[in-house]
Amino acid sequence: MTIDDESRQSSHSFSVGFSATAGRLSDAELAQVMKALTDPTPGLRSILPRVLRDEEIRRLAQTMSASGAAARIASELRRYLSAGWTIDREQGAPVDASELRRSLFRIATFNAGADLTERQIRTIIAA
């Protein structure tokens, strides 16, 4: 069985994003994540990126005005996916990047480079 370039790129992007986020987790949180990654339960591995994405969106929203957080995140994510993501998905977010760009990188990584609507982000923040 061979791994095609798209699968290899997706795995690389996830690894880079996971590494960036794992450094911010407590030992207990990291242990839970590692357990989930090695758990043989079907579907669990596909849920983990979404959980990490949602957590990153909530963290980013806490740094913004509550009334406009979802709209701003949706706008910034759309802009990032059309420009910065093209380079960052290959190389990882630059070390000297702003906290916003690093957060957008993690969100994009955990969401496989897909966009999110303002409504989706508002639902994630409210959960």
Protein backbone atom coordinates (compact mmCIF):
# COMPACT_ATOMS: atom_id res chain seq x y z
CA MET A 1 0.00 0.00 0.00
CA THR A 2 1.41 3.39 -0.95
CA ILE A 3 0.59 6.74 0.52
CA ASP A 4 -0.34 9.33 -2.09
CA ASP A 5 1.02 12.88 -1.93
CA GLU A 6 -2.26 14.33 -0.65
CA SER A 7 -2.38 11.89 2.28
CA ARG A 8 1.27 12.50 3.05
CA GLN A 9 0.71 16.30 3.01
CA SER A 10 -2.36 16.00 5.22
CA SER A 11 -0.43 13.89 7.73
CA HIS A 12 2.48 16.35 7.70
CA SER A 13 0.17 19.34 8.24
CA PHE A 14 -1.57 17.59 11.12
CA SER A 15 1.78 16.69 12.69
CA VAL A 16 3.06 20.26 12.53
CA GLY A 17 -0.19 21.65 13.97
CA PHE A 18 -0.34 18.98 16.65
CA SER A 19 3.24 19.69 17.70
CA ALA A 20 2.45 23.40 18.03
CA THR A 21 -0.62 22.69 20.16
CA ALA A 22 0.83 19.86 22.22
CA GLY A 23 3.41 22.21 23.69
CA ARG A 24 0.58 24.22 25.24
CA LEU A 25 -1.21 21.27 26.85
CA SER A 26 -0.86 20.21 30.45
CA ASP A 27 0.58 16.76 31.13
CA ALA A 28 -2.91 15.42 31.86
CA GLU A 29 -4.35 16.89 28.64
CA LEU A 30 -1.45 15.55 26.59
CA ALA A 31 -1.94 12.09 28.14
CA GLN A 32 -5.62 12.18 27.09
CA VAL A 33 -4.69 13.19 23.55
CA MET A 34 -2.08 10.45 23.26
CA LYS A 35 -4.57 7.91 24.58
CA ALA A 36 -7.10 9.05 21.97
CA LEU A 37 -4.53 8.78 19.18
CA THR A 38 -3.68 5.20 20.10
CA ASP A 39 -7.21 4.10 21.01
CA PRO A 40 -8.47 1.45 18.60
CA THR A 41 -12.06 2.74 18.84
CA PRO A 42 -13.27 3.39 15.28
CA GLY A 43 -13.80 7.05 14.52
CA LEU A 44 -11.92 8.41 17.52
CA ARG A 45 -8.95 9.52 15.43
CA SER A 46 -11.26 11.49 13.16
CA ILE A 47 -12.88 13.26 16.14
CA LEU A 48 -9.63 14.43 17.73
CA PRO A 49 -8.69 17.06 15.10
CA ARG A 50 -12.17 18.60 15.40
CA VAL A 51 -11.89 18.78 19.19
CA LEU A 52 -8.48 20.45 18.93
CA ARG A 53 -9.79 22.84 16.25
CA ASP A 54 -12.75 23.85 18.42
CA GLU A 55 -10.52 24.42 21.44
CA GLU A 56 -8.21 26.64 19.39
CA ILE A 57 -11.18 28.65 18.09
CA ARG A 58 -12.43 29.18 21.66
CA ARG A 59 -8.96 30.27 22.82
CA LEU A 60 -8.69 32.73 19.94
CA ALA A 61 -12.19 34.08 20.59
CA GLN A 62 -11.22 34.87 24.20
CA THR A 63 -8.68 37.38 22.89
CA MET A 64 -11.35 39.29 20.94
CA SER A 65 -14.48 41.30 21.55
CA ALA A 66 -17.25 38.83 22.38
CA SER A 67 -19.77 40.44 20.03
CA GLY A 68 -17.59 40.25 16.93
CA ALA A 69 -15.33 37.28 17.57
CA ALA A 70 -17.04 34.81 15.22
CA ALA A 71 -17.18 37.30 12.35
CA ARG A 72 -13.55 38.32 12.80
CA ILE A 73 -12.29 34.73 13.07
CA ALA A 74 -14.26 33.73 9.96
CA SER A 75 -12.88 36.70 8.03
CA GLU A 76 -9.28 36.18 9.20
CA LEU A 77 -9.46 32.43 8.52
CA ARG A 78 -10.79 32.99 5.00
CA ARG A 79 -7.99 35.50 4.30
CA TYR A 80 -5.35 33.19 5.81
CA LEU A 81 -6.52 30.15 3.83
CA SER A 82 -6.28 32.09 0.57
CA ALA A 83 -2.78 33.42 1.22
CA GLY A 84 -0.72 32.26 4.21
CA TRP A 85 -1.92 28.66 4.38
CA THR A 86 -0.44 27.86 0.97
CA ILE A 87 3.06 28.37 2.34
CA ASP A 88 2.52 27.47 6.01
CA ARG A 89 1.01 24.04 5.33
CA GLU A 90 4.33 23.05 3.76
CA GLN A 91 6.70 24.66 6.26
CA GLY A 92 4.67 25.27 9.42
CA ALA A 93 3.80 28.65 10.83
CA PRO A 94 6.85 30.93 11.00
CA VAL A 95 8.43 31.15 14.44
CA ASP A 96 8.11 34.94 14.38
CA ALA A 97 4.46 34.86 13.25
CA SER A 98 1.84 36.69 15.26
CA GLU A 99 -0.26 34.76 17.76
CA LEU A 100 -3.24 35.26 15.43
CA ARG A 101 -1.41 33.65 12.50
CA ARG A 102 -0.23 30.74 14.65
CA SER A 103 -3.82 30.19 15.85
CA LEU A 104 -5.15 30.35 12.29
CA PHE A 105 -2.48 27.83 11.27
CA ARG A 106 -3.60 25.41 13.98
CA ILE A 107 -7.28 25.87 13.09
CA ALA A 108 -6.55 25.29 9.39
CA THR A 109 -4.41 22.25 10.19
CA PHE A 110 -7.02 20.61 12.39
CA ASN A 111 -9.72 21.42 9.81
CA ALA A 112 -7.72 19.97 6.88
CA GLY A 113 -7.42 23.39 5.25
CA ALA A 114 -11.18 23.86 4.95
CA ASP A 115 -12.97 27.14 5.58
CA LEU A 116 -15.54 27.67 8.35
CA THR A 117 -18.52 30.00 8.20
CA GLU A 118 -19.26 32.64 10.80
CA ARG A 119 -22.27 30.59 11.89
CA GLN A 120 -20.15 27.45 12.40
CA ILE A 121 -17.61 29.44 14.43
CA ARG A 122 -20.35 31.05 16.54
CA THR A 123 -21.72 27.57 17.32
CA ILE A 124 -18.25 26.33 18.31
CA ILE A 125 -17.66 29.33 20.57
CA ALA A 126 -21.04 28.89 22.25
CA ALA A 127 -20.56 25.17 22.93
